[in-house]
Amino acid sequence: MITLGLERLLQDPPAGLRGKRLGLLCNQASTDHRFRHSRDLVRRAFGADLTCLFSPQHGFFAEKQDNMIESDHMTDPVTGLPLFSLYGEVRKPTAAMLDHCDVLLVDLVDVGTRVYTFLYTLAYCLEAAAEQGKEVVVLDRPNPVGGVALEGNLLRESCRSFVGLYPIPMRHGMTLGELALLIRGEFGLDCRLQVVAMAGWRREMLFADTGLPWVFPSPNMPTPRSALVYPGQVIWEATNISEGRGTTMPFELFGAPFCRHAEILAGIAATPLPGCHLRPLVFEPVAGKWAGRPCVGFQLHVTDPATYRPYRTSLALLQALARLYPDFALKPPPYEYEYERLPIHLVLGNEELWPRLLAGESIMELEASWQDELADFARRRQAYLLY
């Protein structure tokens, strides 16, 4: 049985929190194992000490569908507390917002991929806390794609953005609490930080192993399967290939009207892609890219999560489609508040990677080229692992 950081906080609240004004960064997925929301549980435990709420990208109710769709500040209809959006006019909490609290509790469901913005909302909160003399307490939760496998190149400084602020790999294998410790320890953030660790979680666990209910953290992360493929399939966001938004299986489905099944399968045949099956199909998004148009593509079925390599798989597919089809195109800016740099560089985290893919360099050679930096990250992260 796993006990979440939220649940451990309520079982044995740190003495230092009593009498402090508390803020809570959360969204609709921030529940305990009985679906009770953290805002309600913290308010029940701490009463009037809970003074304000904050929400990440997609809004408090995870109602905003796409990137750069902002949420407004509001008054929480249940508690009457001010609810500040950290994906609107600002992404970093202002001094006026933090004036409402002494300690900021963070209870967010992360999905284990470098480009997921909840991590950087946390990072900006750590920065603001350091500047304003506040404390941050992260209530830890499972990494739904496990804490063992690492995959991908590390982010380059030239590609820093709201989908990548630090040199970490695409699949980092850390919990949000561990990432907070890593950010403070490795990147010079001098802030007061506590992590309320889980009990019972083991690094080899995928979400299906936890026994916890899945509550979707963002509208296009409807199931743990979505999270499992996301470390690779998120790449399509930077292209004109549908990543399945506007369907019931975002990130599991991908394609475009100009694609052809046999050509794509032949184009990826040279790359070993274990643990998955690409099932040919045609789908028609009701919104987003190619809305109302039949898209020729695939459903990506993960048949063996232990051997599946999401980043390798999607890089191989990206290379094949880019080289096969003149109608393939990269998405132009803006992307996550970056108005000049190409989204593909921000998502891949390395400006050299796209031209190397386009030139036809072997995916396995590319993967080999970043193994040393990946091994170095694995060594450095060891000091911050809680489980």
Protein backbone atom coordinates (compact mmCIF):
# COMPACT_ATOMS: atom_id res chain seq x y z
CA MET A 1 0.00 0.00 0.00
CA ILE A 2 1.41 3.37 -1.02
CA THR A 3 0.88 6.37 1.21
CA LEU A 4 1.13 9.62 -0.72
CA GLY A 5 3.02 12.65 0.53
CA LEU A 6 -0.34 14.37 0.96
CA GLU A 7 -1.59 11.54 3.14
CA ARG A 8 1.58 11.48 5.25
CA LEU A 9 1.33 15.24 5.77
CA LEU A 10 -2.15 14.81 7.16
CA GLN A 11 -1.17 11.83 9.34
CA ASP A 12 1.72 13.67 10.98
CA PRO A 13 1.88 17.37 10.11
CA PRO A 14 5.36 18.88 10.54
CA ALA A 15 5.42 20.97 13.70
CA GLY A 16 6.81 23.90 11.75
CA LEU A 17 3.59 24.27 9.76
CA ARG A 18 1.34 24.98 12.73
CA GLY A 19 0.34 28.61 12.83
CA LYS A 20 1.84 29.33 9.42
CA ARG A 21 -0.24 30.69 6.56
CA LEU A 22 -0.36 28.00 3.87
CA GLY A 23 -0.70 28.25 0.11
CA LEU A 24 -1.41 25.17 -1.99
CA LEU A 25 -0.36 24.59 -5.61
CA CYS A 26 -2.64 21.90 -7.01
CA ASN A 27 -5.22 21.03 -9.62
CA GLN A 28 -8.18 18.69 -9.93
CA ALA A 29 -5.92 15.61 -9.99
CA SER A 30 -4.51 16.38 -6.55
CA THR A 31 -6.44 13.77 -4.60
CA ASP A 32 -5.75 11.06 -2.07
CA HIS A 33 -6.34 7.38 -2.84
CA ARG A 34 -10.04 7.84 -2.00
CA PHE A 35 -10.46 10.71 -4.52
CA ARG A 36 -10.65 13.34 -1.77
CA HIS A 37 -9.12 16.59 -2.98
CA SER A 38 -6.01 17.99 -1.31
CA ARG A 39 -7.55 21.45 -0.97
CA ASP A 40 -10.40 20.00 1.10
CA LEU A 41 -8.12 17.75 3.16
CA VAL A 42 -5.59 20.50 3.94
CA ARG A 43 -8.38 22.88 4.86
CA ARG A 44 -9.92 20.27 7.16
CA ALA A 45 -6.56 19.67 8.86
CA PHE A 46 -5.28 23.26 9.03
CA GLY A 47 -8.49 25.29 8.97
CA ALA A 48 -8.06 29.01 8.34
CA ASP A 49 -4.29 28.55 8.00
CA LEU A 50 -4.95 27.61 4.36
CA THR A 51 -5.08 31.09 2.87
CA CYS A 52 -4.68 30.76 -0.92
CA LEU A 53 -4.48 28.37 -3.86
CA PHE A 54 -2.36 28.25 -7.02
CA SER A 55 -2.95 26.35 -10.27
CA PRO A 56 -0.57 25.18 -13.05
CA GLN A 57 -1.01 24.94 -16.83
CA HIS A 58 -4.46 23.82 -18.06
CA GLY A 59 -6.23 25.46 -15.13
CA PHE A 60 -7.37 24.31 -11.71
CA PHE A 61 -9.92 21.95 -13.25
CA ALA A 62 -7.54 20.87 -16.07
CA GLU A 63 -10.12 22.33 -18.44
CA LYS A 64 -7.83 24.17 -20.87
CA GLN A 65 -7.03 21.86 -23.75
CA ASP A 66 -3.90 23.11 -25.43
CA ASN A 67 -0.61 24.98 -25.03
CA MET A 68 -0.71 28.74 -24.44
CA ILE A 69 -4.39 28.68 -23.45
CA GLU A 70 -4.25 30.76 -20.31
CA SER A 71 -6.24 30.58 -17.08
CA ASP A 72 -7.45 33.58 -15.11
CA HIS A 73 -7.17 34.19 -11.41
CA MET A 74 -10.40 33.36 -9.65
CA THR A 75 -12.05 32.77 -6.32
CA ASP A 76 -12.29 29.08 -5.47
CA PRO A 77 -16.01 28.30 -5.42
CA VAL A 78 -15.64 25.73 -2.62
CA THR A 79 -13.43 27.53 -0.10
CA GLY A 80 -13.81 31.16 -1.15
CA LEU A 81 -10.02 31.44 -1.21
CA PRO A 82 -8.11 33.40 -3.86
CA LEU A 83 -6.87 31.04 -6.59
CA PHE A 84 -3.88 32.39 -8.52
CA SER A 85 -3.16 31.10 -12.01
CA LEU A 86 0.50 30.35 -12.75
CA TYR A 87 -0.30 29.91 -16.42
CA GLY A 88 -1.71 33.26 -17.33
CA GLU A 89 -0.28 36.74 -17.08
CA VAL A 90 2.63 35.20 -15.16
CA ARG A 91 4.16 31.75 -14.78
CA LYS A 92 6.18 32.64 -11.69
CA PRO A 93 4.30 33.65 -8.54
CA THR A 94 4.63 37.33 -7.77
CA ALA A 95 5.52 38.84 -4.42
CA ALA A 96 1.91 40.02 -4.08
CA MET A 97 0.66 36.45 -4.53
CA LEU A 98 3.14 35.00 -2.03
CA ASP A 99 2.27 37.72 0.47
CA HIS A 100 -0.80 35.59 1.18
CA CYS A 101 1.23 32.72 2.64
CA ASP A 102 4.34 31.78 4.58
CA VAL A 103 4.64 28.22 3.23
CA LEU A 104 3.70 26.94 -0.21
CA LEU A 105 2.55 23.33 -0.34
CA VAL A 106 2.95 21.70 -3.76
CA ASP A 107 0.74 18.73 -4.61
CA LEU A 108 0.90 18.04 -8.35
CA VAL A 109 0.69 14.87 -10.42
CA ASP A 110 3.77 14.81 -12.68
CA VAL A 111 4.26 12.45 -15.65
CA GLY A 112 8.01 11.85 -15.67
CA THR A 113 8.94 13.71 -18.87
CA ARG A 114 11.26 16.72 -19.17
CA VAL A 115 8.88 18.85 -21.23
CA TYR A 116 5.85 18.60 -18.91
CA THR A 117 5.41 22.12 -17.56
CA PHE A 118 4.33 21.26 -14.00
CA LEU A 119 8.01 20.73 -13.18
CA TYR A 120 8.86 24.27 -14.26
CA THR A 121 5.93 25.76 -12.40
CA LEU A 122 7.47 24.12 -9.34
CA ALA A 123 10.90 25.49 -10.31
CA TYR A 124 9.56 29.02 -10.63
CA CYS A 125 7.91 28.63 -7.23
CA LEU A 126 11.27 27.61 -5.77
CA GLU A 127 12.87 30.68 -7.36
CA ALA A 128 10.17 32.99 -6.03
CA ALA A 129 10.36 31.39 -2.58
CA ALA A 130 14.12 32.02 -2.49
CA GLU A 131 13.58 35.66 -3.45
CA GLN A 132 10.71 36.24 -1.02
CA GLY A 133 11.98 34.22 1.95
CA LYS A 134 9.17 31.66 1.76
CA GLU A 135 9.29 27.90 2.34
CA VAL A 136 8.18 25.25 -0.14
CA VAL A 137 6.90 21.83 0.94
CA VAL A 138 6.50 19.28 -1.85
CA LEU A 139 3.98 16.51 -1.17
CA ASP A 140 5.49 13.70 -3.20
CA ARG A 141 3.69 11.40 -5.64
CA PRO A 142 4.73 8.50 -7.89
CA ASN A 143 6.48 9.00 -11.19
CA PRO A 144 3.90 7.15 -13.33
CA VAL A 145 6.53 5.89 -15.80
CA GLY A 146 8.81 4.57 -13.06
CA GLY A 147 12.00 5.66 -11.38
CA VAL A 148 14.55 3.36 -13.01
CA ALA A 149 14.70 3.92 -16.78
CA LEU A 150 16.45 7.04 -18.07
CA GLU A 151 16.35 8.01 -21.72
CA GLY A 152 17.39 10.81 -24.00
CA ASN A 153 19.87 13.61 -24.43
CA LEU A 154 20.26 16.26 -21.75
CA LEU A 155 18.83 19.72 -22.39
CA ARG A 156 21.31 22.27 -23.77
CA GLU A 157 21.50 25.80 -22.36
CA SER A 158 20.55 27.25 -25.78
CA CYS A 159 17.23 25.37 -25.65
CA ARG A 160 16.05 26.57 -22.24
CA SER A 161 12.34 27.40 -22.13
CA PHE A 162 9.19 26.69 -20.14
CA VAL A 163 9.39 23.12 -21.48
CA GLY A 164 12.99 22.72 -20.32
CA LEU A 165 14.97 24.78 -17.82
CA TYR A 166 17.63 22.34 -16.65
CA PRO A 167 20.02 19.76 -18.16
CA ILE A 168 17.95 16.66 -17.53
CA PRO A 169 17.02 13.87 -19.98
CA MET A 170 13.64 13.47 -21.62
CA ARG A 171 12.78 10.56 -19.32
CA HIS A 172 14.37 11.44 -15.99
CA GLY A 173 13.08 8.71 -13.66
CA MET A 174 12.53 11.04 -10.68
CA THR A 175 9.56 12.10 -8.60
CA LEU A 176 8.60 15.74 -8.32
CA GLY A 177 10.00 15.85 -4.79
CA GLU A 178 13.32 14.42 -5.95
CA LEU A 179 13.43 16.91 -8.81
CA ALA A 180 12.87 19.77 -6.37
CA LEU A 181 15.86 18.57 -4.32
CA LEU A 182 17.93 18.20 -7.50
CA ILE A 183 17.06 21.71 -8.68
CA ARG A 184 17.98 23.23 -5.34
CA GLY A 185 21.15 21.18 -4.99
CA GLU A 186 22.53 21.39 -8.53
CA PHE A 187 21.34 24.72 -9.87
CA GLY A 188 21.92 27.19 -7.06
CA LEU A 189 18.44 27.86 -5.72
CA ASP A 190 18.89 28.87 -2.08
CA CYS A 191 15.39 28.26 -0.80
CA ARG A 192 13.89 26.54 2.21
CA LEU A 193 12.54 23.23 0.98
CA GLN A 194 10.98 20.15 2.54
CA VAL A 195 9.77 17.04 0.74
CA VAL A 196 7.13 14.90 2.41
CA ALA A 197 8.08 11.54 0.93
CA MET A 198 5.71 8.70 0.11
CA ALA A 199 5.74 5.41 1.94
CA GLY A 200 5.65 2.17 -0.02
CA TRP A 201 6.64 3.42 -3.48
CA ARG A 202 9.50 1.59 -5.19
CA ARG A 203 11.48 2.87 -8.15
CA GLU A 204 10.60 -0.02 -10.42
CA MET A 205 6.86 0.66 -10.09
CA LEU A 206 4.87 1.90 -13.05
CA PHE A 207 1.57 3.53 -12.22
CA ALA A 208 -0.33 0.29 -12.78
CA ASP A 209 1.71 -1.25 -9.94
CA THR A 210 0.80 1.39 -7.36
CA GLY A 211 -2.84 0.45 -6.73
CA LEU A 212 -3.67 4.17 -6.83
CA PRO A 213 -6.49 5.60 -8.94
CA TRP A 214 -5.42 7.56 -12.01
CA VAL A 215 -6.85 11.07 -12.05
CA PHE A 216 -5.81 12.84 -15.24
CA PRO A 217 -3.45 15.76 -14.49
CA SER A 218 -4.08 17.46 -17.86
CA PRO A 219 -6.80 16.99 -20.45
CA ASN A 220 -4.62 15.08 -22.90
CA MET A 221 -3.20 12.71 -20.28
CA PRO A 222 -6.35 10.62 -19.80
CA THR A 223 -4.71 7.31 -18.81
CA PRO A 224 -1.38 5.93 -17.54
CA ARG A 225 -0.87 4.62 -21.10
CA SER A 226 -0.80 8.22 -22.32
CA ALA A 227 1.96 8.98 -19.82
CA LEU A 228 3.95 5.89 -20.83
CA VAL A 229 4.25 6.96 -24.49
CA TYR A 230 4.51 10.70 -23.79
CA PRO A 231 8.34 10.87 -23.40
CA GLY A 232 8.53 10.20 -27.14
CA GLN A 233 5.16 11.09 -28.59
CA VAL A 234 5.27 14.65 -27.25
CA ILE A 235 7.72 15.36 -30.09
CA TRP A 236 4.81 15.53 -32.56
CA GLU A 237 3.69 18.77 -30.88
CA ALA A 238 6.55 20.48 -32.72
CA THR A 239 5.36 19.26 -36.15
CA ASN A 240 2.27 19.16 -38.36
CA ILE A 241 1.75 15.49 -37.46
CA SER A 242 -1.31 14.98 -35.26
CA GLU A 243 -0.33 13.70 -31.81
CA GLY A 244 -3.90 12.52 -31.34
CA ARG A 245 -5.30 15.66 -29.74
CA GLY A 246 -8.95 15.84 -30.62
CA THR A 247 -9.30 12.06 -30.21
CA THR A 248 -9.91 9.84 -27.20
CA MET A 249 -6.31 8.55 -27.32
CA PRO A 250 -3.94 11.52 -27.36
CA PHE A 251 -0.27 10.56 -27.83
CA GLU A 252 -1.19 6.92 -28.40
CA LEU A 253 -2.47 7.88 -31.85
CA PHE A 254 -0.46 9.83 -34.41
CA GLY A 255 -0.60 10.49 -38.12
CA ALA A 256 -1.51 12.87 -40.95
CA PRO A 257 -3.50 12.69 -44.19
CA PHE A 258 -0.33 12.35 -46.29
CA CYS A 259 1.14 9.40 -44.37
CA ARG A 260 1.23 5.82 -45.70
CA HIS A 261 1.48 2.80 -43.41
CA ALA A 262 3.81 0.57 -45.39
CA GLU A 263 6.25 3.38 -46.19
CA ILE A 264 6.58 4.35 -42.53
CA LEU A 265 7.06 0.78 -41.33
CA ALA A 266 9.78 0.32 -43.94
CA GLY A 267 11.36 3.61 -42.89
CA ILE A 268 11.82 2.51 -39.27
CA ALA A 269 12.78 -1.11 -39.97
CA ALA A 270 16.50 -0.55 -39.35
CA THR A 271 15.97 0.65 -35.76
CA PRO A 272 15.28 -1.89 -32.98
CA LEU A 273 12.04 -0.78 -31.30
CA PRO A 274 11.35 -3.30 -28.53
CA GLY A 275 8.34 -3.43 -26.26
CA CYS A 276 5.78 -1.89 -28.58
CA HIS A 277 3.58 -2.57 -31.59
CA LEU A 278 2.55 -0.01 -34.20
CA ARG A 279 -0.95 -0.89 -35.32
CA PRO A 280 -1.98 0.78 -38.62
CA LEU A 281 -5.24 2.71 -38.58
CA VAL A 282 -7.00 5.84 -39.76
CA PHE A 283 -8.41 8.35 -37.28
CA GLU A 284 -10.20 11.68 -37.59
CA PRO A 285 -9.55 14.35 -34.94
CA VAL A 286 -12.50 16.51 -33.98
CA ALA A 287 -10.19 19.36 -32.93
CA GLY A 288 -6.59 20.42 -33.29
CA LYS A 289 -4.38 19.50 -36.23
CA TRP A 290 -6.21 18.05 -39.23
CA ALA A 291 -9.61 18.40 -37.50
CA GLY A 292 -12.26 16.67 -39.58
CA ARG A 293 -9.67 15.11 -41.89
CA PRO A 294 -8.88 11.37 -41.97
CA CYS A 295 -5.33 10.87 -40.69
CA VAL A 296 -3.37 7.82 -41.79
CA GLY A 297 -1.31 6.68 -38.85
CA PHE A 298 -0.87 4.25 -36.02
CA GLN A 299 -1.86 3.40 -32.50
CA LEU A 300 1.23 2.83 -30.41
CA HIS A 301 0.60 -0.20 -28.18
CA VAL A 302 3.15 -0.76 -25.38
CA THR A 303 3.51 -4.52 -25.09
CA ASP A 304 6.45 -4.63 -22.66
CA PRO A 305 7.05 -1.48 -20.61
CA ALA A 306 10.36 -2.83 -19.29
CA THR A 307 11.98 -2.90 -22.73
CA TYR A 308 10.00 -0.13 -24.45
CA ARG A 309 12.04 2.98 -25.27
CA PRO A 310 9.59 5.83 -25.94
CA TYR A 311 12.15 8.45 -26.99
CA ARG A 312 13.99 6.12 -29.36
CA THR A 313 10.70 4.94 -30.88
CA SER A 314 9.36 8.41 -31.60
CA LEU A 315 12.70 9.72 -32.86
CA ALA A 316 12.79 6.87 -35.38
CA LEU A 317 9.25 7.72 -36.49
CA LEU A 318 10.03 11.44 -36.66
CA GLN A 319 13.06 10.79 -38.85
CA ALA A 320 11.11 8.49 -41.16
CA LEU A 321 8.20 10.87 -41.68
CA ALA A 322 10.44 13.89 -42.18
CA ARG A 323 12.48 12.11 -44.84
CA LEU A 324 9.53 10.44 -46.57
CA TYR A 325 7.01 13.22 -47.01
CA PRO A 326 7.41 16.66 -48.61
CA ASP A 327 4.23 17.71 -46.81
CA PHE A 328 5.84 17.07 -43.42
CA ALA A 329 6.51 20.40 -41.70
CA LEU A 330 7.88 21.72 -38.46
CA LYS A 331 5.57 23.86 -36.37
CA PRO A 332 6.63 27.52 -36.36
CA PRO A 333 6.80 29.61 -33.18
CA PRO A 334 5.25 30.53 -30.85
CA TYR A 335 5.42 27.54 -28.54
CA GLU A 336 5.13 27.83 -24.76
CA TYR A 337 5.87 31.57 -24.80
CA GLU A 338 8.93 31.28 -27.05
CA TYR A 339 8.35 33.47 -30.10
CA GLU A 340 11.56 33.05 -32.11
CA ARG A 341 13.12 29.62 -31.59
CA LEU A 342 11.74 26.58 -33.37
CA PRO A 343 9.57 24.35 -31.16
CA ILE A 344 11.41 21.23 -32.37
CA HIS A 345 14.64 22.49 -30.78
CA LEU A 346 12.88 23.29 -27.51
CA VAL A 347 11.22 19.88 -27.33
CA LEU A 348 14.31 17.88 -28.34
CA GLY A 349 16.48 20.06 -26.11
CA ASN A 350 19.42 20.18 -28.52
CA GLU A 351 19.61 22.29 -31.70
CA GLU A 352 22.00 19.82 -33.32
CA LEU A 353 19.65 16.86 -33.07
CA TRP A 354 17.08 17.87 -35.69
CA PRO A 355 19.62 18.41 -38.53
CA ARG A 356 21.29 15.11 -37.65
CA LEU A 357 17.94 13.32 -37.86
CA LEU A 358 17.15 14.98 -41.17
CA ALA A 359 20.56 13.96 -42.55
CA GLY A 360 19.67 10.34 -41.87
CA GLU A 361 22.07 9.62 -39.03
CA SER A 362 21.31 6.29 -37.38
CA ILE A 363 19.00 6.54 -34.36
CA MET A 364 21.18 4.03 -32.53
CA GLU A 365 24.30 6.12 -33.22
CA LEU A 366 22.51 9.21 -31.97
CA GLU A 367 21.45 7.35 -28.85
CA ALA A 368 25.03 6.18 -28.27
CA SER A 369 26.29 9.77 -28.54
CA TRP A 370 24.53 10.89 -25.37
CA GLN A 371 25.16 7.86 -23.15
CA ASP A 372 28.07 9.50 -21.33
CA GLU A 373 26.04 12.57 -20.33
CA LEU A 374 23.12 10.33 -19.40
CA ALA A 375 25.41 8.26 -17.16
CA ASP A 376 26.71 11.46 -15.57
CA PHE A 377 23.14 12.56 -14.85
CA ALA A 378 22.42 9.15 -13.32
CA ARG A 379 25.39 9.61 -10.98
CA ARG A 380 24.46 13.19 -10.01
CA ARG A 381 20.80 12.41 -9.37
CA GLN A 382 21.75 9.64 -6.93
CA ALA A 383 22.28 12.14 -4.11
CA TYR A 384 18.66 13.31 -4.37
CA LEU A 385 16.80 10.03 -4.62
CA LEU A 386 14.38 9.36 -1.78
CA TYR A 387 13.34 5.81 -2.66
